[in-house]
Amino acid sequence: MQCGWFKVVGGSVIATVGTYLIWKKLSGKRKSREEYPKNTVILHQYGRAPYAPSMSPFAIKLETYLRMAKIPYMNVHSRVGSKKGKFPWIEYNNESIADTQFCIEYLNKTLAIDLNKNFSKAERGIARSFLKMLEENTYWALLLERWILDPEFAIYKIIKLPYRFAWFIRRRLRRDAYGHGIGRHSQDEIYHIMDLDLMALSEFLGDKKFLLGDRPCEEDCAIFGQLAEWYWQSFGHRSGPLIKNYKNLCDYCERMKETFWPDWDECNTNGGKKEATK
């Protein structure tokens, strides 16, 4: 499984032509599209992770959406990236779509799916705002914690990356995070930003089962994908204790897992002790 987790760094770090060419050179042959079943989403992502289905919150987001929408799909665990050089991505009846949000929008339109049809425009707007907060802001704190702030660099040991590749990732992430803005802050300031985001989500969630009430919305997939990484795969870093300060967020993670991932234990490696069977 050690080759399956390069995507842990996130699309912003690895979406470069040079990196993509390296992966493609290392990757095995890919199935021809004719071999894939018709009317089935082919979800391309890296291999399973230690305590959750993926080290990428975006892969968990997209796979949770497919389950929530009850769309037939099959996983292809490989190192062949999308045309944008990012993971995950999908194929559907010979169409290739990159970027998780575009994948979801494409499937919604193609298959006439609307998981938010019972929610008001105001509720939909709130849901999108939380999605963007977590994916465009809080997510960067997770990346920085895993790749820069951790003095023991545990992620390097866990996924067994070649040192030179890990060094490249750290260098690229420092540059991208500085350009984003969050990389200009101190470690305490970065965790403060993460905590404020989690607090805002916790206060809005309250005692609701899902983000907008008793029924899950489409954005719950993305929110769960992000929270799952802190809740199950913080590897002893500060983000783990941070999320555990918010019991309703922890309960939310467990609720989403029970609702959409009854096979959760089959979709992770139990800390590398076994092969995932799904």
C-alpha atoms as a PDB file:
ATOM      1  CA  MET A   1       0.000   0.000   0.000  1.00  0.00           C
ATOM      2  CA  GLN A   2       2.973   2.332   0.356  1.00  0.00           C
ATOM      3  CA  CYS A   3       2.657   3.629  -3.217  1.00  0.00           C
ATOM      4  CA  GLY A   4      -1.023   4.373  -2.827  1.00  0.00           C
ATOM      5  CA  TRP A   5      -0.978   7.411  -0.627  1.00  0.00           C
ATOM      6  CA  PHE A   6       0.820  10.162  -2.557  1.00  0.00           C
ATOM      7  CA  LYS A   7      -2.478  12.068  -2.675  1.00  0.00           C
ATOM      8  CA  VAL A   8      -2.321  12.742   1.057  1.00  0.00           C
ATOM      9  CA  VAL A   9      -0.610  16.025   0.313  1.00  0.00           C
ATOM     10  CA  GLY A  10      -3.648  17.443  -1.409  1.00  0.00           C
ATOM     11  CA  GLY A  11      -4.264  18.671  -4.912  1.00  0.00           C
ATOM     12  CA  SER A  12      -2.733  22.084  -4.339  1.00  0.00           C
ATOM     13  CA  VAL A  13       0.623  20.533  -3.532  1.00  0.00           C
ATOM     14  CA  ILE A  14       0.919  17.858  -6.180  1.00  0.00           C
ATOM     15  CA  ALA A  15      -0.781  19.305  -9.214  1.00  0.00           C
ATOM     16  CA  THR A  16       2.394  19.954 -11.146  1.00  0.00           C
ATOM     17  CA  VAL A  17       3.425  18.603 -14.479  1.00  0.00           C
ATOM     18  CA  GLY A  18       6.738  17.255 -13.200  1.00  0.00           C
ATOM     19  CA  THR A  19       5.212  15.360 -10.301  1.00  0.00           C
ATOM     20  CA  TYR A  20       2.459  13.981 -12.482  1.00  0.00           C
ATOM     21  CA  LEU A  21       4.967  12.665 -15.005  1.00  0.00           C
ATOM     22  CA  ILE A  22       6.905  10.925 -12.247  1.00  0.00           C
ATOM     23  CA  TRP A  23       3.747   9.148 -11.039  1.00  0.00           C
ATOM     24  CA  LYS A  24       2.758   8.196 -14.532  1.00  0.00           C
ATOM     25  CA  LYS A  25       6.155   6.688 -15.181  1.00  0.00           C
ATOM     26  CA  LEU A  26       5.919   4.668 -11.977  1.00  0.00           C
ATOM     27  CA  SER A  27       2.331   3.571 -12.472  1.00  0.00           C
ATOM     28  CA  GLY A  28       1.216   0.277 -13.936  1.00  0.00           C
ATOM     29  CA  LYS A  29      -0.967  -0.196 -16.952  1.00  0.00           C
ATOM     30  CA  ARG A  30      -4.447   1.137 -16.713  1.00  0.00           C
ATOM     31  CA  LYS A  31      -7.530  -0.788 -17.761  1.00  0.00           C
ATOM     32  CA  SER A  32      -9.070   0.236 -21.040  1.00  0.00           C
ATOM     33  CA  ARG A  33     -12.383   1.980 -20.716  1.00  0.00           C
ATOM     34  CA  GLU A  34     -14.069  -0.839 -22.618  1.00  0.00           C
ATOM     35  CA  GLU A  35     -13.399  -3.130 -19.658  1.00  0.00           C
ATOM     36  CA  TYR A  36     -15.357  -0.972 -17.238  1.00  0.00           C
ATOM     37  CA  PRO A  37     -19.044  -1.789 -16.694  1.00  0.00           C
ATOM     38  CA  LYS A  38     -21.539   0.552 -18.328  1.00  0.00           C
ATOM     39  CA  ASN A  39     -23.473   3.042 -16.180  1.00  0.00           C
ATOM     40  CA  THR A  40     -21.029   2.571 -13.323  1.00  0.00           C
ATOM     41  CA  VAL A  41     -18.877   5.330 -11.883  1.00  0.00           C
ATOM     42  CA  ILE A  42     -15.201   4.407 -11.910  1.00  0.00           C
ATOM     43  CA  LEU A  43     -13.650   6.147  -8.934  1.00  0.00           C
ATOM     44  CA  HIS A  44      -9.902   6.618  -9.336  1.00  0.00           C
ATOM     45  CA  GLN A  45      -8.103   7.108  -6.060  1.00  0.00           C
ATOM     46  CA  TYR A  46      -5.024   5.925  -4.222  1.00  0.00           C
ATOM     47  CA  GLY A  47      -5.043   2.974  -1.848  1.00  0.00           C
ATOM     48  CA  ARG A  48      -6.793   2.722   1.484  1.00  0.00           C
ATOM     49  CA  ALA A  49      -5.421   4.396   4.598  1.00  0.00           C
ATOM     50  CA  PRO A  50      -4.583   3.312   8.180  1.00  0.00           C
ATOM     51  CA  TYR A  51      -7.771   4.276  10.033  1.00  0.00           C
ATOM     52  CA  ALA A  52     -10.105   5.689   7.375  1.00  0.00           C
ATOM     53  CA  PRO A  53     -10.865   4.846   3.730  1.00  0.00           C
ATOM     54  CA  SER A  54      -8.368   7.421   2.449  1.00  0.00           C
ATOM     55  CA  MET A  55      -5.687   9.858   3.552  1.00  0.00           C
ATOM     56  CA  SER A  56      -7.420  12.391   1.315  1.00  0.00           C
ATOM     57  CA  PRO A  57     -10.553  14.119   2.634  1.00  0.00           C
ATOM     58  CA  PHE A  58     -11.596  14.667  -0.968  1.00  0.00           C
ATOM     59  CA  ALA A  59     -11.580  10.962  -1.761  1.00  0.00           C
ATOM     60  CA  ILE A  60     -13.746  10.298   1.308  1.00  0.00           C
ATOM     61  CA  LYS A  61     -16.026  13.132   0.217  1.00  0.00           C
ATOM     62  CA  LEU A  62     -16.564  11.737  -3.262  1.00  0.00           C
ATOM     63  CA  GLU A  63     -17.015   8.126  -2.190  1.00  0.00           C
ATOM     64  CA  THR A  64     -19.465   9.179   0.526  1.00  0.00           C
ATOM     65  CA  TYR A  65     -21.445  11.112  -2.081  1.00  0.00           C
ATOM     66  CA  LEU A  66     -21.652   8.032  -4.318  1.00  0.00           C
ATOM     67  CA  ARG A  67     -22.971   6.051  -1.378  1.00  0.00           C
ATOM     68  CA  MET A  68     -25.395   8.750  -0.284  1.00  0.00           C
ATOM     69  CA  ALA A  69     -26.766   9.105  -3.826  1.00  0.00           C
ATOM     70  CA  LYS A  70     -26.838   5.291  -4.245  1.00  0.00           C
ATOM     71  CA  ILE A  71     -24.843   5.458  -7.482  1.00  0.00           C
ATOM     72  CA  PRO A  72     -23.213   2.189  -8.612  1.00  0.00           C
ATOM     73  CA  TYR A  73     -19.445   2.594  -8.544  1.00  0.00           C
ATOM     74  CA  MET A  74     -16.202   0.688  -8.430  1.00  0.00           C
ATOM     75  CA  ASN A  75     -12.860   1.753  -7.037  1.00  0.00           C
ATOM     76  CA  VAL A  76      -9.704   1.734  -9.103  1.00  0.00           C
ATOM     77  CA  HIS A  77      -6.714   2.159  -6.799  1.00  0.00           C
ATOM     78  CA  SER A  78      -3.872   3.381  -8.966  1.00  0.00           C
ATOM     79  CA  ARG A  79      -1.320   6.122  -9.518  1.00  0.00           C
ATOM     80  CA  VAL A  80      -2.734   7.407 -12.798  1.00  0.00           C
ATOM     81  CA  GLY A  81      -3.974  10.936 -12.278  1.00  0.00           C
ATOM     82  CA  SER A  82      -6.678  12.909 -14.007  1.00  0.00           C
ATOM     83  CA  LYS A  83      -6.036  15.294 -16.890  1.00  0.00           C
ATOM     84  CA  LYS A  84      -5.468  17.939 -14.210  1.00  0.00           C
ATOM     85  CA  GLY A  85      -2.929  15.755 -12.443  1.00  0.00           C
ATOM     86  CA  LYS A  86      -5.115  15.448  -9.351  1.00  0.00           C
ATOM     87  CA  PHE A  87      -6.877  12.764  -7.333  1.00  0.00           C
ATOM     88  CA  PRO A  88      -9.533  11.553  -6.957  1.00  0.00           C
ATOM     89  CA  TRP A  89     -11.320  11.637 -10.307  1.00  0.00           C
ATOM     90  CA  ILE A  90     -13.999   9.638 -12.070  1.00  0.00           C
ATOM     91  CA  GLU A  91     -14.899   8.063 -15.375  1.00  0.00           C
ATOM     92  CA  TYR A  92     -18.484   7.449 -16.405  1.00  0.00           C
ATOM     93  CA  ASN A  93     -19.408   5.867 -19.735  1.00  0.00           C
ATOM     94  CA  ASN A  94     -16.191   7.060 -21.384  1.00  0.00           C
ATOM     95  CA  GLU A  95     -16.371  10.544 -19.884  1.00  0.00           C
ATOM     96  CA  SER A  96     -13.528  11.653 -17.592  1.00  0.00           C
ATOM     97  CA  ILE A  97     -14.150  14.285 -14.921  1.00  0.00           C
ATOM     98  CA  ALA A  98     -11.595  15.821 -12.560  1.00  0.00           C
ATOM     99  CA  ASP A  99     -12.070  17.707  -9.273  1.00  0.00           C
ATOM    100  CA  THR A 100     -14.500  16.292  -6.706  1.00  0.00           C
ATOM    101  CA  GLN A 101     -16.985  19.152  -6.880  1.00  0.00           C
ATOM    102  CA  PHE A 102     -17.123  18.994 -10.672  1.00  0.00           C
ATOM    103  CA  CYS A 103     -17.520  15.219 -10.426  1.00  0.00           C
ATOM    104  CA  ILE A 104     -20.532  15.670  -8.155  1.00  0.00           C
ATOM    105  CA  GLU A 105     -22.049  18.378 -10.330  1.00  0.00           C
ATOM    106  CA  TYR A 106     -21.588  16.216 -13.421  1.00  0.00           C
ATOM    107  CA  LEU A 107     -23.292  13.211 -11.819  1.00  0.00           C
ATOM    108  CA  ASN A 108     -26.092  15.360 -10.430  1.00  0.00           C
ATOM    109  CA  LYS A 109     -26.831  16.684 -13.908  1.00  0.00           C
ATOM    110  CA  THR A 110     -26.305  13.418 -15.794  1.00  0.00           C
ATOM    111  CA  LEU A 111     -28.311  11.249 -13.404  1.00  0.00           C
ATOM    112  CA  ALA A 112     -30.873  13.886 -12.331  1.00  0.00           C
ATOM    113  CA  ILE A 113     -29.810  13.746  -8.688  1.00  0.00           C
ATOM    114  CA  ASP A 114     -30.542  16.490  -6.177  1.00  0.00           C
ATOM    115  CA  LEU A 115     -29.672  15.578  -2.605  1.00  0.00           C
ATOM    116  CA  ASN A 116     -30.591  19.112  -1.515  1.00  0.00           C
ATOM    117  CA  LYS A 117     -34.053  19.321  -3.056  1.00  0.00           C
ATOM    118  CA  ASN A 118     -35.789  19.419   0.322  1.00  0.00           C
ATOM    119  CA  PHE A 119     -33.746  22.326   1.635  1.00  0.00           C
ATOM    120  CA  SER A 120     -34.381  26.034   1.188  1.00  0.00           C
ATOM    121  CA  LYS A 121     -32.129  28.354  -0.798  1.00  0.00           C
ATOM    122  CA  ALA A 122     -30.904  29.881   2.456  1.00  0.00           C
ATOM    123  CA  GLU A 123     -30.014  26.452   3.845  1.00  0.00           C
ATOM    124  CA  ARG A 124     -28.198  25.533   0.642  1.00  0.00           C
ATOM    125  CA  GLY A 125     -26.203  28.745   0.857  1.00  0.00           C
ATOM    126  CA  ILE A 126     -25.194  28.038   4.443  1.00  0.00           C
ATOM    127  CA  ALA A 127     -24.159  24.501   3.546  1.00  0.00           C
ATOM    128  CA  ARG A 128     -21.961  25.699   0.693  1.00  0.00           C
ATOM    129  CA  SER A 129     -20.372  28.295   2.961  1.00  0.00           C
ATOM    130  CA  PHE A 130     -19.304  25.635   5.459  1.00  0.00           C
ATOM    131  CA  LEU A 131     -18.031  23.432   2.646  1.00  0.00           C
ATOM    132  CA  LYS A 132     -15.868  26.244   1.322  1.00  0.00           C
ATOM    133  CA  MET A 133     -14.632  27.199   4.780  1.00  0.00           C
ATOM    134  CA  LEU A 134     -13.406  23.671   5.460  1.00  0.00           C
ATOM    135  CA  GLU A 135     -12.044  22.892   1.995  1.00  0.00           C
ATOM    136  CA  GLU A 136     -10.430  26.231   1.223  1.00  0.00           C
ATOM    137  CA  ASN A 137      -9.281  27.311   4.674  1.00  0.00           C
ATOM    138  CA  THR A 138      -9.283  24.685   7.432  1.00  0.00           C
ATOM    139  CA  TYR A 139      -7.888  22.021   5.097  1.00  0.00           C
ATOM    140  CA  TRP A 140      -4.678  24.014   4.750  1.00  0.00           C
ATOM    141  CA  ALA A 141      -4.153  23.794   8.497  1.00  0.00           C
ATOM    142  CA  LEU A 142      -4.405  20.001   8.218  1.00  0.00           C
ATOM    143  CA  LEU A 143      -1.845  19.932   5.407  1.00  0.00           C
ATOM    144  CA  LEU A 144       0.544  22.147   7.327  1.00  0.00           C
ATOM    145  CA  GLU A 145       0.206  20.034  10.447  1.00  0.00           C
ATOM    146  CA  ARG A 146       0.930  16.803   8.581  1.00  0.00           C
ATOM    147  CA  TRP A 147       3.794  18.041   6.460  1.00  0.00           C
ATOM    148  CA  ILE A 148       5.369  21.043   8.184  1.00  0.00           C
ATOM    149  CA  LEU A 149       4.404  21.479  11.832  1.00  0.00           C
ATOM    150  CA  ASP A 150       4.851  17.929  13.067  1.00  0.00           C
ATOM    151  CA  PRO A 151       8.419  17.767  14.454  1.00  0.00           C
ATOM    152  CA  GLU A 152       8.480  13.970  14.128  1.00  0.00           C
ATOM    153  CA  PHE A 153       7.222  14.054  10.515  1.00  0.00           C
ATOM    154  CA  ALA A 154       5.006  11.046  11.272  1.00  0.00           C
ATOM    155  CA  ILE A 155       3.247  11.164   7.899  1.00  0.00           C
ATOM    156  CA  TYR A 156       6.545  10.394   6.143  1.00  0.00           C
ATOM    157  CA  LYS A 157       6.985   7.258   8.249  1.00  0.00           C
ATOM    158  CA  ILE A 158       3.355   6.186   7.936  1.00  0.00           C
ATOM    159  CA  ILE A 159       3.103   6.275   4.162  1.00  0.00           C
ATOM    160  CA  LYS A 160       6.747   5.337   3.527  1.00  0.00           C
ATOM    161  CA  LEU A 161       7.459   7.930   0.859  1.00  0.00           C
ATOM    162  CA  PRO A 162      10.936   8.155  -0.647  1.00  0.00           C
ATOM    163  CA  TYR A 163      12.751  10.862   1.284  1.00  0.00           C
ATOM    164  CA  ARG A 164      13.473  13.002  -1.772  1.00  0.00           C
ATOM    165  CA  PHE A 165       9.819  12.969  -2.768  1.00  0.00           C
ATOM    166  CA  ALA A 166       8.771  13.872   0.784  1.00  0.00           C
ATOM    167  CA  TRP A 167      11.287  16.717   0.757  1.00  0.00           C
ATOM    168  CA  PHE A 168       9.831  17.975  -2.539  1.00  0.00           C
ATOM    169  CA  ILE A 169       6.317  17.895  -1.093  1.00  0.00           C
ATOM    170  CA  ARG A 170       7.332  19.855   1.988  1.00  0.00           C
ATOM    171  CA  ARG A 171       9.115  22.471  -0.104  1.00  0.00           C
ATOM    172  CA  ARG A 172       6.173  22.853  -2.482  1.00  0.00           C
ATOM    173  CA  LEU A 173       3.674  23.005   0.362  1.00  0.00           C
ATOM    174  CA  ARG A 174       5.599  25.747   2.147  1.00  0.00           C
ATOM    175  CA  ARG A 175       5.509  27.822  -1.039  1.00  0.00           C
ATOM    176  CA  ASP A 176       1.818  27.176  -1.747  1.00  0.00           C
ATOM    177  CA  ALA A 177       0.777  27.815   1.850  1.00  0.00           C
ATOM    178  CA  TYR A 178       2.686  31.090   1.845  1.00  0.00           C
ATOM    179  CA  GLY A 179       0.918  32.095  -1.351  1.00  0.00           C
ATOM    180  CA  HIS A 180      -2.433  31.123   0.153  1.00  0.00           C
ATOM    181  CA  GLY A 181      -1.653  33.229   3.218  1.00  0.00           C
ATOM    182  CA  ILE A 182      -2.039  30.698   6.012  1.00  0.00           C
ATOM    183  CA  GLY A 183       1.614  29.755   5.712  1.00  0.00           C
ATOM    184  CA  ARG A 184       2.625  33.245   6.858  1.00  0.00           C
ATOM    185  CA  HIS A 185       1.212  32.627  10.328  1.00  0.00           C
ATOM    186  CA  SER A 186       2.857  31.108  13.393  1.00  0.00           C
ATOM    187  CA  GLN A 187       2.059  27.571  14.476  1.00  0.00           C
ATOM    188  CA  ASP A 188      -0.190  28.775  17.289  1.00  0.00           C
ATOM    189  CA  GLU A 189      -2.011  31.120  14.922  1.00  0.00           C
ATOM    190  CA  ILE A 190      -2.636  28.279  12.447  1.00  0.00           C
ATOM    191  CA  TYR A 191      -4.133  26.098  15.172  1.00  0.00           C
ATOM    192  CA  HIS A 192      -6.172  29.071  16.353  1.00  0.00           C
ATOM    193  CA  ILE A 193      -7.651  29.369  12.852  1.00  0.00           C
ATOM    194  CA  MET A 194      -8.447  25.647  12.822  1.00  0.00           C
ATOM    195  CA  ASP A 195     -10.078  25.864  16.236  1.00  0.00           C
ATOM    196  CA  LEU A 196     -12.242  28.839  15.273  1.00  0.00           C
ATOM    197  CA  ASP A 197     -13.451  27.007  12.153  1.00  0.00           C
ATOM    198  CA  LEU A 198     -14.308  23.880  14.132  1.00  0.00           C
ATOM    199  CA  MET A 199     -16.049  26.004  16.757  1.00  0.00           C
ATOM    200  CA  ALA A 200     -18.174  27.719  14.113  1.00  0.00           C
ATOM    201  CA  LEU A 201     -19.186  24.367  12.628  1.00  0.00           C
ATOM    202  CA  SER A 202     -19.897  22.915  16.061  1.00  0.00           C
ATOM    203  CA  GLU A 203     -22.066  25.860  17.087  1.00  0.00           C
ATOM    204  CA  PHE A 204     -24.083  25.683  13.881  1.00  0.00           C
ATOM    205  CA  LEU A 205     -24.482  21.914  14.049  1.00  0.00           C
ATOM    206  CA  GLY A 206     -25.728  22.031  17.616  1.00  0.00           C
ATOM    207  CA  ASP A 207     -27.761  18.932  18.383  1.00  0.00           C
ATOM    208  CA  LYS A 208     -28.788  18.303  14.769  1.00  0.00           C
ATOM    209  CA  LYS A 209     -28.030  14.881  13.295  1.00  0.00           C
ATOM    210  CA  PHE A 210     -26.581  16.309  10.104  1.00  0.00           C
ATOM    211  CA  LEU A 211     -25.521  19.755   8.956  1.00  0.00           C
ATOM    212  CA  LEU A 212     -29.005  20.988   8.047  1.00  0.00           C
ATOM    213  CA  GLY A 213     -31.178  18.771  10.212  1.00  0.00           C
ATOM    214  CA  ASP A 214     -32.430  15.207  10.395  1.00  0.00           C
ATOM    215  CA  ARG A 215     -31.612  14.501   6.738  1.00  0.00           C
ATOM    216  CA  PRO A 216     -28.104  14.682   5.283  1.00  0.00           C
ATOM    217  CA  CYS A 217     -27.396  17.166   2.519  1.00  0.00           C
ATOM    218  CA  GLU A 218     -24.844  16.935  -0.272  1.00  0.00           C
ATOM    219  CA  GLU A 219     -22.359  19.077   1.618  1.00  0.00           C
ATOM    220  CA  ASP A 220     -22.314  16.605   4.505  1.00  0.00           C
ATOM    221  CA  CYS A 221     -20.122  14.450   2.259  1.00  0.00           C
ATOM    222  CA  ALA A 222     -17.423  17.109   2.083  1.00  0.00           C
ATOM    223  CA  ILE A 223     -17.696  18.059   5.737  1.00  0.00           C
ATOM    224  CA  PHE A 224     -17.407  14.436   6.799  1.00  0.00           C
ATOM    225  CA  GLY A 225     -14.415  13.959   4.499  1.00  0.00           C
ATOM    226  CA  GLN A 226     -12.561  16.790   6.205  1.00  0.00           C
ATOM    227  CA  LEU A 227     -13.521  15.927   9.786  1.00  0.00           C
ATOM    228  CA  ALA A 228     -12.711  12.251   9.281  1.00  0.00           C
ATOM    229  CA  GLU A 229      -9.039  13.094   8.810  1.00  0.00           C
ATOM    230  CA  TRP A 230      -8.804  14.959  12.123  1.00  0.00           C
ATOM    231  CA  TYR A 231     -11.007  12.541  14.043  1.00  0.00           C
ATOM    232  CA  TRP A 232      -9.448   9.245  12.911  1.00  0.00           C
ATOM    233  CA  GLN A 233      -6.100  10.165  11.360  1.00  0.00           C
ATOM    234  CA  SER A 234      -4.504  12.985  13.303  1.00  0.00           C
ATOM    235  CA  PHE A 235      -1.719  10.556  14.368  1.00  0.00           C
ATOM    236  CA  GLY A 236      -1.381  12.182  17.763  1.00  0.00           C
ATOM    237  CA  HIS A 237      -1.065  15.715  16.434  1.00  0.00           C
ATOM    238  CA  ARG A 238      -2.832  18.717  17.913  1.00  0.00           C
ATOM    239  CA  SER A 239      -5.794  18.507  15.522  1.00  0.00           C
ATOM    240  CA  GLY A 240      -6.948  15.272  17.197  1.00  0.00           C
ATOM    241  CA  PRO A 241      -7.394  16.819  20.647  1.00  0.00           C
ATOM    242  CA  LEU A 242      -8.853  19.935  19.024  1.00  0.00           C
ATOM    243  CA  ILE A 243     -11.745  18.132  17.350  1.00  0.00           C
ATOM    244  CA  LYS A 244     -12.338  16.046  20.465  1.00  0.00           C
ATOM    245  CA  ASN A 245     -13.113  19.298  22.302  1.00  0.00           C
ATOM    246  CA  TYR A 246     -16.329  19.345  20.258  1.00  0.00           C
ATOM    247  CA  LYS A 247     -18.356  16.293  21.200  1.00  0.00           C
ATOM    248  CA  ASN A 248     -21.084  16.982  18.668  1.00  0.00           C
ATOM    249  CA  LEU A 249     -18.516  16.946  15.839  1.00  0.00           C
ATOM    250  CA  CYS A 250     -17.172  13.602  17.049  1.00  0.00           C
ATOM    251  CA  ASP A 251     -20.722  12.235  17.305  1.00  0.00           C
ATOM    252  CA  TYR A 252     -21.380  13.561  13.806  1.00  0.00           C
ATOM    253  CA  CYS A 253     -18.381  11.650  12.448  1.00  0.00           C
ATOM    254  CA  GLU A 254     -19.577   8.434  14.067  1.00  0.00           C
ATOM    255  CA  ARG A 255     -23.114   9.028  12.766  1.00  0.00           C
ATOM    256  CA  MET A 256     -21.950   9.584   9.198  1.00  0.00           C
ATOM    257  CA  LYS A 257     -19.778   6.477   9.391  1.00  0.00           C
ATOM    258  CA  GLU A 258     -22.643   4.339  10.688  1.00  0.00           C
ATOM    259  CA  THR A 259     -25.056   5.710   8.097  1.00  0.00           C
ATOM    260  CA  PHE A 260     -22.934   5.503   4.947  1.00  0.00           C
ATOM    261  CA  TRP A 261     -19.951   3.309   5.813  1.00  0.00           C
ATOM    262  CA  PRO A 262     -21.187   0.083   7.451  1.00  0.00           C
ATOM    263  CA  ASP A 263     -18.125  -1.551   5.856  1.00  0.00           C
ATOM    264  CA  TRP A 264     -15.694   1.011   7.321  1.00  0.00           C
ATOM    265  CA  ASP A 265     -13.425  -1.620   8.849  1.00  0.00           C
ATOM    266  CA  GLU A 266     -13.098  -3.316   5.462  1.00  0.00           C
ATOM    267  CA  CYS A 267     -12.053  -0.017   3.871  1.00  0.00           C
ATOM    268  CA  ASN A 268      -8.981   0.727   5.988  1.00  0.00           C
ATOM    269  CA  THR A 269      -5.831  -1.133   6.964  1.00  0.00           C
ATOM    270  CA  ASN A 270      -6.229  -0.992  10.752  1.00  0.00           C
ATOM    271  CA  GLY A 271      -3.025   0.936  11.143  1.00  0.00           C
ATOM    272  CA  GLY A 272      -1.257  -1.062   8.457  1.00  0.00           C
ATOM    273  CA  LYS A 273      -1.910  -4.402  10.190  1.00  0.00           C
ATOM    274  CA  LYS A 274      -4.007  -5.781   7.349  1.00  0.00           C
ATOM    275  CA  GLU A 275      -4.955  -5.211   3.732  1.00  0.00           C
ATOM    276  CA  ALA A 276      -8.218  -3.403   3.122  1.00  0.00           C
ATOM    277  CA  THR A 277     -10.664  -5.802   1.489  1.00  0.00           C
ATOM    278  CA  LYS A 278     -12.789  -3.153  -0.237  1.00  0.00           C
END
